Amino acid sequence: MRLRLASGLVALVVWAVPGSALATDLDWTGREVPGAEVVPDGSPDGAALQIESGAGGTFVALTVIPEPRVGDSYAVVGKVKYENVAGVAYLEMWSVLPDGSRYFTRTLAEAGPLQSISGTSDWRSFQLPFFLNGAPTPTRLELNAVLPGEGTVWIGPLHLQGAAAEDATRVWWSSSSSAWMGAIAGSLLGLAGAAVGLWGGKTRRRRLVEGISWGVIGLGGAGLTVAGVALAVGQPPSVWYGPALIGLIGLWVGLPQRWVVRRRYQEAELRRLRAHDSGGR
């Protein structure tokens, strides 16, 4: 079974709130993590976990979460700060499934909330979505920090919830729902193209054909609008990719198609006028 993996960092014990998303908050206050130091009020949101690494690098096992009660998708949001980090450091989580298989997530993106840890940065937000895509709930989550060389990293309080999110915003729909919407929209675009190709230029079908051609353009514009808003609020690729693709295809097909439809009806009208003139002589 193929899992969709996203770069990541995950927090501690999960608890369910009836009628709400799965969620938990982790404050480092009072915790002991070998290889790290808790700094009270070390972050804008409370205590921070400070990790210092020498030239040889370091590996810190942050925590293990046994029997996490999470949904099909979940995410951690929080803030991280770092100074003079050599190479590319990252935070990683291993999801261990009931059959013993293990899947990792790592913060290794070049930019954005999944950006890797390198050089120096003031406090910045991160977002860590993880998608099970129907796989069984993990039996445990193992959270680590990996620094290949020198540097200092501070990790602020973390928030884990049952769906990919940023600033407590839940995902709009699952990846499977996105696939269904893409299939339906793709089928509609195909049918619309076939209808315009079959009926274009026929006077009796003019209103229908023109309505379909404008509908394809409208669908394309709506898809790009939805994708743009999803990107702006930090939704994962499983949400915005489908609408973006539909939008691009809709406009790529719809705009030239609209020009063809208009030209066909102009030609049909010209033929009709010519026939009328010929008949009147």
C-alpha atoms as a PDB file:
ATOM      1  CA  MET A   1       0.000   0.000   0.000  1.00  0.00           C
ATOM      2  CA  ARG A   2       1.408   3.306  -1.022  1.00  0.00           C
ATOM      3  CA  LEU A   3       1.323   6.046   1.543  1.00  0.00           C
ATOM      4  CA  ARG A   4       1.555   9.677   0.704  1.00  0.00           C
ATOM      5  CA  LEU A   5       4.299  11.027   2.892  1.00  0.00           C
ATOM      6  CA  ALA A   6       4.902  14.639   3.769  1.00  0.00           C
ATOM      7  CA  SER A   7       7.823  16.152   5.603  1.00  0.00           C
ATOM      8  CA  GLY A   8       7.092  16.292   9.229  1.00  0.00           C
ATOM      9  CA  LEU A   9       7.357  16.695  12.936  1.00  0.00           C
ATOM     10  CA  VAL A  10       4.783  15.319  15.358  1.00  0.00           C
ATOM     11  CA  ALA A  11       4.007  15.985  19.007  1.00  0.00           C
ATOM     12  CA  LEU A  12       3.155  13.977  22.072  1.00  0.00           C
ATOM     13  CA  VAL A  13       0.069  12.240  23.517  1.00  0.00           C
ATOM     14  CA  VAL A  14      -3.196  12.650  21.542  1.00  0.00           C
ATOM     15  CA  TRP A  15      -6.596  13.031  23.128  1.00  0.00           C
ATOM     16  CA  ALA A  16     -10.019  13.190  21.506  1.00  0.00           C
ATOM     17  CA  VAL A  17     -12.518  15.963  22.108  1.00  0.00           C
ATOM     18  CA  PRO A  18     -16.109  14.782  21.438  1.00  0.00           C
ATOM     19  CA  GLY A  19     -17.527  16.526  18.399  1.00  0.00           C
ATOM     20  CA  SER A  20     -14.238  18.220  17.437  1.00  0.00           C
ATOM     21  CA  ALA A  21     -10.997  17.465  15.617  1.00  0.00           C
ATOM     22  CA  LEU A  22      -8.400  15.296  17.331  1.00  0.00           C
ATOM     23  CA  ALA A  23      -5.940  17.670  18.931  1.00  0.00           C
ATOM     24  CA  THR A  24      -3.238  18.044  21.549  1.00  0.00           C
ATOM     25  CA  ASP A  25      -0.834  20.710  22.742  1.00  0.00           C
ATOM     26  CA  LEU A  26       2.713  19.978  23.868  1.00  0.00           C
ATOM     27  CA  ASP A  27       4.555  22.382  26.149  1.00  0.00           C
ATOM     28  CA  TRP A  28       8.153  21.384  26.869  1.00  0.00           C
ATOM     29  CA  THR A  29       7.946  22.696  30.434  1.00  0.00           C
ATOM     30  CA  GLY A  30       9.056  20.074  32.951  1.00  0.00           C
ATOM     31  CA  ARG A  31      10.146  17.548  30.332  1.00  0.00           C
ATOM     32  CA  GLU A  32      13.561  15.880  30.113  1.00  0.00           C
ATOM     33  CA  VAL A  33      14.918  15.114  26.653  1.00  0.00           C
ATOM     34  CA  PRO A  34      18.444  13.610  26.492  1.00  0.00           C
ATOM     35  CA  GLY A  35      20.697  15.747  24.319  1.00  0.00           C
ATOM     36  CA  ALA A  36      18.445  18.816  24.629  1.00  0.00           C
ATOM     37  CA  GLU A  37      17.642  21.507  27.178  1.00  0.00           C
ATOM     38  CA  VAL A  38      14.301  23.037  28.074  1.00  0.00           C
ATOM     39  CA  VAL A  39      14.427  26.856  28.094  1.00  0.00           C
ATOM     40  CA  PRO A  40      11.519  28.438  30.016  1.00  0.00           C
ATOM     41  CA  ASP A  41       9.887  31.229  28.024  1.00  0.00           C
ATOM     42  CA  GLY A  42      12.386  30.469  25.258  1.00  0.00           C
ATOM     43  CA  SER A  43       9.845  30.941  22.466  1.00  0.00           C
ATOM     44  CA  PRO A  44       7.098  33.461  21.712  1.00  0.00           C
ATOM     45  CA  ASP A  45       4.550  30.864  22.819  1.00  0.00           C
ATOM     46  CA  GLY A  46       6.197  29.458  25.942  1.00  0.00           C
ATOM     47  CA  ALA A  47       9.021  27.074  26.765  1.00  0.00           C
ATOM     48  CA  ALA A  48      11.393  25.970  23.994  1.00  0.00           C
ATOM     49  CA  LEU A  49      13.464  22.843  23.516  1.00  0.00           C
ATOM     50  CA  GLN A  50      17.055  23.847  22.724  1.00  0.00           C
ATOM     51  CA  ILE A  51      19.370  21.484  20.822  1.00  0.00           C
ATOM     52  CA  GLU A  52      23.069  22.302  20.392  1.00  0.00           C
ATOM     53  CA  SER A  53      25.229  20.309  18.015  1.00  0.00           C
ATOM     54  CA  GLY A  54      28.994  20.102  17.545  1.00  0.00           C
ATOM     55  CA  ALA A  55      30.975  19.580  14.343  1.00  0.00           C
ATOM     56  CA  GLY A  56      30.206  15.858  14.357  1.00  0.00           C
ATOM     57  CA  GLY A  57      26.456  16.438  14.290  1.00  0.00           C
ATOM     58  CA  THR A  58      23.842  15.070  16.630  1.00  0.00           C
ATOM     59  CA  PHE A  59      20.718  12.924  16.745  1.00  0.00           C
ATOM     60  CA  VAL A  60      18.101  13.635  19.418  1.00  0.00           C
ATOM     61  CA  ALA A  61      15.182  11.302  20.089  1.00  0.00           C
ATOM     62  CA  LEU A  62      12.544  13.828  21.092  1.00  0.00           C
ATOM     63  CA  THR A  63       9.716  11.495  22.087  1.00  0.00           C
ATOM     64  CA  VAL A  64       7.740   8.354  21.303  1.00  0.00           C
ATOM     65  CA  ILE A  65       3.957   8.542  21.069  1.00  0.00           C
ATOM     66  CA  PRO A  66       2.390   5.142  21.808  1.00  0.00           C
ATOM     67  CA  GLU A  67      -1.010   4.288  20.303  1.00  0.00           C
ATOM     68  CA  PRO A  68      -1.721   7.750  18.870  1.00  0.00           C
ATOM     69  CA  ARG A  69      -5.414   8.351  18.322  1.00  0.00           C
ATOM     70  CA  VAL A  70      -5.304  10.134  14.989  1.00  0.00           C
ATOM     71  CA  GLY A  71      -7.475  10.177  11.906  1.00  0.00           C
ATOM     72  CA  ASP A  72      -6.618   9.328   8.305  1.00  0.00           C
ATOM     73  CA  SER A  73      -4.601  12.529   8.124  1.00  0.00           C
ATOM     74  CA  TYR A  74      -2.999  14.604  10.823  1.00  0.00           C
ATOM     75  CA  ALA A  75      -0.546  17.451  11.210  1.00  0.00           C
ATOM     76  CA  VAL A  76       1.618  19.299  13.655  1.00  0.00           C
ATOM     77  CA  VAL A  77       1.934  23.071  13.621  1.00  0.00           C
ATOM     78  CA  GLY A  78       4.412  25.064  15.640  1.00  0.00           C
ATOM     79  CA  LYS A  79       7.433  27.332  15.453  1.00  0.00           C
ATOM     80  CA  VAL A  80      11.143  26.661  15.055  1.00  0.00           C
ATOM     81  CA  LYS A  81      14.228  28.865  15.293  1.00  0.00           C
ATOM     82  CA  TYR A  82      17.834  28.057  14.424  1.00  0.00           C
ATOM     83  CA  GLU A  83      21.281  29.629  14.357  1.00  0.00           C
ATOM     84  CA  ASN A  84      24.430  28.798  12.376  1.00  0.00           C
ATOM     85  CA  VAL A  85      23.191  25.350  11.360  1.00  0.00           C
ATOM     86  CA  ALA A  86      25.715  23.673   9.066  1.00  0.00           C
ATOM     87  CA  GLY A  87      24.410  21.526   6.233  1.00  0.00           C
ATOM     88  CA  VAL A  88      20.766  20.533   6.057  1.00  0.00           C
ATOM     89  CA  ALA A  89      19.195  19.580   9.380  1.00  0.00           C
ATOM     90  CA  TYR A  90      15.665  18.300   9.740  1.00  0.00           C
ATOM     91  CA  LEU A  91      12.995  17.017  12.081  1.00  0.00           C
ATOM     92  CA  GLU A  92      11.657  13.571  11.341  1.00  0.00           C
ATOM     93  CA  MET A  93       8.828  11.313  12.395  1.00  0.00           C
ATOM     94  CA  TRP A  94       8.583   7.569  11.922  1.00  0.00           C
ATOM     95  CA  SER A  95       5.053   6.181  11.720  1.00  0.00           C
ATOM     96  CA  VAL A  96       5.067   2.536  12.766  1.00  0.00           C
ATOM     97  CA  LEU A  97       2.045   0.585  11.468  1.00  0.00           C
ATOM     98  CA  PRO A  98       0.510  -2.530  13.060  1.00  0.00           C
ATOM     99  CA  ASP A  99       2.307  -4.856  10.606  1.00  0.00           C
ATOM    100  CA  GLY A 100       5.666  -3.409  11.656  1.00  0.00           C
ATOM    101  CA  SER A 101       6.205  -1.346   8.502  1.00  0.00           C
ATOM    102  CA  ARG A 102       7.739   2.065   9.061  1.00  0.00           C
ATOM    103  CA  TYR A 103       7.306   5.297   7.099  1.00  0.00           C
ATOM    104  CA  PHE A 104       9.239   8.486   7.697  1.00  0.00           C
ATOM    105  CA  THR A 105       8.383  12.140   7.225  1.00  0.00           C
ATOM    106  CA  ARG A 106      11.010  14.868   7.191  1.00  0.00           C
ATOM    107  CA  THR A 107      11.199  18.645   6.946  1.00  0.00           C
ATOM    108  CA  LEU A 108      13.264  18.766   3.768  1.00  0.00           C
ATOM    109  CA  ALA A 109      11.376  21.194   1.526  1.00  0.00           C
ATOM    110  CA  GLU A 110      13.228  24.154   0.006  1.00  0.00           C
ATOM    111  CA  ALA A 111      10.704  26.730   1.234  1.00  0.00           C
ATOM    112  CA  GLY A 112       7.392  27.217   2.982  1.00  0.00           C
ATOM    113  CA  PRO A 113       6.094  25.640   6.194  1.00  0.00           C
ATOM    114  CA  LEU A 114       7.889  22.355   5.374  1.00  0.00           C
ATOM    115  CA  GLN A 115      11.263  24.055   4.873  1.00  0.00           C
ATOM    116  CA  SER A 116      14.448  22.322   5.992  1.00  0.00           C
ATOM    117  CA  ILE A 117      16.646  23.691   8.782  1.00  0.00           C
ATOM    118  CA  SER A 118      19.823  25.332   7.495  1.00  0.00           C
ATOM    119  CA  GLY A 119      21.768  28.488   8.308  1.00  0.00           C
ATOM    120  CA  THR A 120      20.057  31.004  10.597  1.00  0.00           C
ATOM    121  CA  SER A 121      16.407  31.904  10.958  1.00  0.00           C
ATOM    122  CA  ASP A 122      14.277  33.736  13.478  1.00  0.00           C
ATOM    123  CA  TRP A 123      11.120  32.041  14.723  1.00  0.00           C
ATOM    124  CA  ARG A 124       9.048  30.784  11.789  1.00  0.00           C
ATOM    125  CA  SER A 125       5.933  28.682  11.560  1.00  0.00           C
ATOM    126  CA  PHE A 126       5.915  25.193  10.182  1.00  0.00           C
ATOM    127  CA  GLN A 127       3.154  22.812   9.098  1.00  0.00           C
ATOM    128  CA  LEU A 128       3.535  19.041   8.950  1.00  0.00           C
ATOM    129  CA  PRO A 129       0.763  17.093   7.233  1.00  0.00           C
ATOM    130  CA  PHE A 130       0.813  13.301   7.096  1.00  0.00           C
ATOM    131  CA  PHE A 131      -1.662  11.270   5.036  1.00  0.00           C
ATOM    132  CA  LEU A 132      -2.396   7.597   5.796  1.00  0.00           C
ATOM    133  CA  ASN A 133      -4.670   7.232   2.745  1.00  0.00           C
ATOM    134  CA  GLY A 134      -6.640   4.383   4.288  1.00  0.00           C
ATOM    135  CA  ALA A 135      -3.733   2.635   6.019  1.00  0.00           C
ATOM    136  CA  PRO A 136      -4.227   1.454   9.631  1.00  0.00           C
ATOM    137  CA  THR A 137      -3.615   3.867  12.473  1.00  0.00           C
ATOM    138  CA  PRO A 138       0.053   3.779  13.572  1.00  0.00           C
ATOM    139  CA  THR A 139       0.886   1.864  16.723  1.00  0.00           C
ATOM    140  CA  ARG A 140       3.410   4.541  17.636  1.00  0.00           C
ATOM    141  CA  LEU A 141       5.089   7.676  16.362  1.00  0.00           C
ATOM    142  CA  GLU A 142       8.798   8.279  16.871  1.00  0.00           C
ATOM    143  CA  LEU A 143       9.970  11.875  16.733  1.00  0.00           C
ATOM    144  CA  ASN A 144      13.616  12.855  16.200  1.00  0.00           C
ATOM    145  CA  ALA A 145      15.807  15.847  15.380  1.00  0.00           C
ATOM    146  CA  VAL A 146      18.821  15.339  13.090  1.00  0.00           C
ATOM    147  CA  LEU A 147      21.663  17.868  12.726  1.00  0.00           C
ATOM    148  CA  PRO A 148      24.551  16.834  10.412  1.00  0.00           C
ATOM    149  CA  GLY A 149      26.973  19.403  11.830  1.00  0.00           C
ATOM    150  CA  GLU A 150      27.273  22.394  14.105  1.00  0.00           C
ATOM    151  CA  GLY A 151      24.342  24.576  15.000  1.00  0.00           C
ATOM    152  CA  THR A 152      21.617  25.365  17.517  1.00  0.00           C
ATOM    153  CA  VAL A 153      17.913  24.685  17.081  1.00  0.00           C
ATOM    154  CA  TRP A 154      15.012  25.803  19.249  1.00  0.00           C
ATOM    155  CA  ILE A 155      11.594  24.123  19.003  1.00  0.00           C
ATOM    156  CA  GLY A 156       8.597  25.906  20.489  1.00  0.00           C
ATOM    157  CA  PRO A 157       5.355  24.372  21.809  1.00  0.00           C
ATOM    158  CA  LEU A 158       3.675  22.056  19.339  1.00  0.00           C
ATOM    159  CA  HIS A 159       0.078  21.451  18.343  1.00  0.00           C
ATOM    160  CA  LEU A 160      -1.019  18.150  16.845  1.00  0.00           C
ATOM    161  CA  GLN A 161      -4.469  17.765  15.374  1.00  0.00           C
ATOM    162  CA  GLY A 162      -6.273  15.109  13.396  1.00  0.00           C
ATOM    163  CA  ALA A 163      -6.108  16.796   9.975  1.00  0.00           C
ATOM    164  CA  ALA A 164      -3.446  18.714   8.064  1.00  0.00           C
ATOM    165  CA  ALA A 165      -3.704  22.328   9.051  1.00  0.00           C
ATOM    166  CA  GLU A 166      -2.015  25.571   9.784  1.00  0.00           C
ATOM    167  CA  ASP A 167      -3.171  27.807  12.599  1.00  0.00           C
ATOM    168  CA  ALA A 168      -5.834  25.233  13.528  1.00  0.00           C
ATOM    169  CA  THR A 169      -7.394  25.273  10.045  1.00  0.00           C
ATOM    170  CA  ARG A 170      -8.574  21.807   8.968  1.00  0.00           C
ATOM    171  CA  VAL A 171      -8.138  20.360   5.504  1.00  0.00           C
ATOM    172  CA  TRP A 172     -11.118  21.065   3.278  1.00  0.00           C
ATOM    173  CA  TRP A 173     -11.375  17.520   1.921  1.00  0.00           C
ATOM    174  CA  SER A 174      -9.442  14.266   1.807  1.00  0.00           C
ATOM    175  CA  SER A 175      -7.168  13.154  -1.025  1.00  0.00           C
ATOM    176  CA  SER A 176      -9.703  10.496  -2.057  1.00  0.00           C
ATOM    177  CA  SER A 177     -12.452  13.140  -2.281  1.00  0.00           C
ATOM    178  CA  SER A 178     -10.111  15.306  -4.344  1.00  0.00           C
ATOM    179  CA  ALA A 179      -9.549  12.393  -6.734  1.00  0.00           C
ATOM    180  CA  TRP A 180     -13.306  11.922  -7.162  1.00  0.00           C
ATOM    181  CA  MET A 181     -13.849  15.625  -7.807  1.00  0.00           C
ATOM    182  CA  GLY A 182     -11.064  15.600 -10.373  1.00  0.00           C
ATOM    183  CA  ALA A 183     -12.540  12.592 -12.143  1.00  0.00           C
ATOM    184  CA  ILE A 184     -16.008  14.165 -12.267  1.00  0.00           C
ATOM    185  CA  ALA A 185     -14.707  17.534 -13.446  1.00  0.00           C
ATOM    186  CA  GLY A 186     -12.514  15.863 -16.058  1.00  0.00           C
ATOM    187  CA  SER A 187     -15.474  13.879 -17.366  1.00  0.00           C
ATOM    188  CA  LEU A 188     -17.582  17.046 -17.586  1.00  0.00           C
ATOM    189  CA  LEU A 189     -14.839  18.822 -19.520  1.00  0.00           C
ATOM    190  CA  GLY A 190     -14.614  15.891 -21.912  1.00  0.00           C
ATOM    191  CA  LEU A 191     -18.380  15.826 -22.463  1.00  0.00           C
ATOM    192  CA  ALA A 192     -18.446  19.587 -22.940  1.00  0.00           C
ATOM    193  CA  GLY A 193     -15.739  19.395 -25.582  1.00  0.00           C
ATOM    194  CA  ALA A 194     -17.567  16.613 -27.399  1.00  0.00           C
ATOM    195  CA  ALA A 195     -20.868  18.551 -27.311  1.00  0.00           C
ATOM    196  CA  VAL A 196     -19.297  21.692 -28.708  1.00  0.00           C
ATOM    197  CA  GLY A 197     -17.521  19.723 -31.400  1.00  0.00           C
ATOM    198  CA  LEU A 198     -20.749  17.950 -32.395  1.00  0.00           C
ATOM    199  CA  TRP A 199     -23.216  20.843 -32.191  1.00  0.00           C
ATOM    200  CA  GLY A 200     -21.001  23.875 -32.837  1.00  0.00           C
ATOM    201  CA  GLY A 201     -22.287  25.912 -35.751  1.00  0.00           C
ATOM    202  CA  LYS A 202     -25.803  24.493 -35.638  1.00  0.00           C
ATOM    203  CA  THR A 203     -28.270  27.347 -35.199  1.00  0.00           C
ATOM    204  CA  ARG A 204     -30.809  25.347 -33.192  1.00  0.00           C
ATOM    205  CA  ARG A 205     -28.180  24.459 -30.626  1.00  0.00           C
ATOM    206  CA  ARG A 206     -26.544  27.867 -30.434  1.00  0.00           C
ATOM    207  CA  ARG A 207     -27.679  28.859 -26.944  1.00  0.00           C
ATOM    208  CA  LEU A 208     -26.775  25.452 -25.558  1.00  0.00           C
ATOM    209  CA  VAL A 209     -23.360  25.393 -27.212  1.00  0.00           C
ATOM    210  CA  GLU A 210     -22.500  28.929 -26.147  1.00  0.00           C
ATOM    211  CA  GLY A 211     -23.667  28.156 -22.620  1.00  0.00           C
ATOM    212  CA  ILE A 212     -21.432  25.076 -22.520  1.00  0.00           C
ATOM    213  CA  SER A 213     -18.411  26.974 -23.816  1.00  0.00           C
ATOM    214  CA  TRP A 214     -18.875  29.727 -21.219  1.00  0.00           C
ATOM    215  CA  GLY A 215     -19.402  27.037 -18.577  1.00  0.00           C
ATOM    216  CA  VAL A 216     -16.034  25.460 -19.373  1.00  0.00           C
ATOM    217  CA  ILE A 217     -14.342  28.848 -18.981  1.00  0.00           C
ATOM    218  CA  GLY A 218     -16.240  29.446 -15.735  1.00  0.00           C
ATOM    219  CA  LEU A 219     -15.187  26.035 -14.402  1.00  0.00           C
ATOM    220  CA  GLY A 220     -11.577  26.839 -15.228  1.00  0.00           C
ATOM    221  CA  GLY A 221     -11.736  30.188 -13.478  1.00  0.00           C
ATOM    222  CA  ALA A 222     -13.435  28.679 -10.434  1.00  0.00           C
ATOM    223  CA  GLY A 223     -10.814  25.936 -10.210  1.00  0.00           C
ATOM    224  CA  LEU A 224      -7.938  28.396 -10.210  1.00  0.00           C
ATOM    225  CA  THR A 225      -9.734  30.582  -7.655  1.00  0.00           C
ATOM    226  CA  VAL A 226     -10.249  27.656  -5.284  1.00  0.00           C
ATOM    227  CA  ALA A 227      -6.635  26.556  -5.731  1.00  0.00           C
ATOM    228  CA  GLY A 228      -5.367  30.077  -5.054  1.00  0.00           C
ATOM    229  CA  VAL A 229      -7.384  30.416  -1.854  1.00  0.00           C
ATOM    230  CA  ALA A 230      -6.302  26.947  -0.703  1.00  0.00           C
ATOM    231  CA  LEU A 231      -2.652  27.850  -1.211  1.00  0.00           C
ATOM    232  CA  ALA A 232      -3.134  31.170   0.581  1.00  0.00           C
ATOM    233  CA  VAL A 233      -4.524  29.521   3.723  1.00  0.00           C
ATOM    234  CA  GLY A 234      -1.919  26.741   3.762  1.00  0.00           C
ATOM    235  CA  GLN A 235      -3.951  23.757   2.555  1.00  0.00           C
ATOM    236  CA  PRO A 236      -1.884  20.696   1.520  1.00  0.00           C
ATOM    237  CA  PRO A 237      -1.295  19.727  -2.151  1.00  0.00           C
ATOM    238  CA  SER A 238      -4.033  17.077  -1.935  1.00  0.00           C
ATOM    239  CA  VAL A 239      -6.512  19.975  -1.681  1.00  0.00           C
ATOM    240  CA  TRP A 240      -5.225  22.574  -4.157  1.00  0.00           C
ATOM    241  CA  TYR A 241      -3.615  20.420  -6.855  1.00  0.00           C
ATOM    242  CA  GLY A 242      -6.880  19.078  -8.314  1.00  0.00           C
ATOM    243  CA  PRO A 243      -8.639  22.467  -8.616  1.00  0.00           C
ATOM    244  CA  ALA A 244      -5.476  23.999 -10.060  1.00  0.00           C
ATOM    245  CA  LEU A 245      -5.230  21.306 -12.730  1.00  0.00           C
ATOM    246  CA  ILE A 246      -8.938  21.584 -13.558  1.00  0.00           C
ATOM    247  CA  GLY A 247      -8.610  25.361 -13.769  1.00  0.00           C
ATOM    248  CA  LEU A 248      -5.655  25.244 -16.131  1.00  0.00           C
ATOM    249  CA  ILE A 249      -7.293  22.633 -18.374  1.00  0.00           C
ATOM    250  CA  GLY A 250     -10.623  24.457 -18.310  1.00  0.00           C
ATOM    251  CA  LEU A 251      -9.098  27.743 -19.470  1.00  0.00           C
ATOM    252  CA  TRP A 252      -6.685  26.069 -21.880  1.00  0.00           C
ATOM    253  CA  VAL A 253      -9.599  24.284 -23.548  1.00  0.00           C
ATOM    254  CA  GLY A 254     -12.366  26.821 -22.958  1.00  0.00           C
ATOM    255  CA  LEU A 255     -10.811  30.032 -24.254  1.00  0.00           C
ATOM    256  CA  PRO A 256      -9.739  28.671 -27.685  1.00  0.00           C
ATOM    257  CA  GLN A 257     -12.985  26.718 -27.857  1.00  0.00           C
ATOM    258  CA  ARG A 258     -14.966  29.900 -27.278  1.00  0.00           C
ATOM    259  CA  TRP A 259     -13.151  31.545 -30.204  1.00  0.00           C
ATOM    260  CA  VAL A 260     -13.905  28.524 -32.438  1.00  0.00           C
ATOM    261  CA  VAL A 261     -17.593  28.531 -31.451  1.00  0.00           C
ATOM    262  CA  ARG A 262     -17.915  32.231 -32.184  1.00  0.00           C
ATOM    263  CA  ARG A 263     -16.243  31.837 -35.568  1.00  0.00           C
ATOM    264  CA  ARG A 264     -18.451  28.887 -36.515  1.00  0.00           C
ATOM    265  CA  TYR A 265     -21.624  30.830 -35.816  1.00  0.00           C
ATOM    266  CA  GLN A 266     -20.329  33.844 -37.695  1.00  0.00           C
ATOM    267  CA  GLU A 267     -19.661  31.588 -40.680  1.00  0.00           C
ATOM    268  CA  ALA A 268     -23.073  29.948 -40.301  1.00  0.00           C
ATOM    269  CA  GLU A 269     -24.757  33.363 -40.196  1.00  0.00           C
ATOM    270  CA  LEU A 270     -22.824  34.489 -43.258  1.00  0.00           C
ATOM    271  CA  ARG A 271     -23.898  31.367 -45.161  1.00  0.00           C
ATOM    272  CA  ARG A 272     -27.496  31.972 -44.149  1.00  0.00           C
ATOM    273  CA  LEU A 273     -27.384  35.576 -45.404  1.00  0.00           C
ATOM    274  CA  ARG A 274     -25.793  34.491 -48.660  1.00  0.00           C
ATOM    275  CA  ALA A 275     -28.452  31.835 -49.155  1.00  0.00           C
ATOM    276  CA  HIS A 276     -31.163  34.400 -48.432  1.00  0.00           C
ATOM    277  CA  ASP A 277     -29.682  36.851 -50.901  1.00  0.00           C
ATOM    278  CA  SER A 278     -29.377  34.187 -53.565  1.00  0.00           C
ATOM    279  CA  GLY A 279     -32.949  33.072 -53.044  1.00  0.00           C
ATOM    280  CA  GLY A 280     -34.269  36.618 -53.339  1.00  0.00           C
ATOM    281  CA  ARG A 281     -32.812  37.218 -56.796  1.00  0.00           C
END
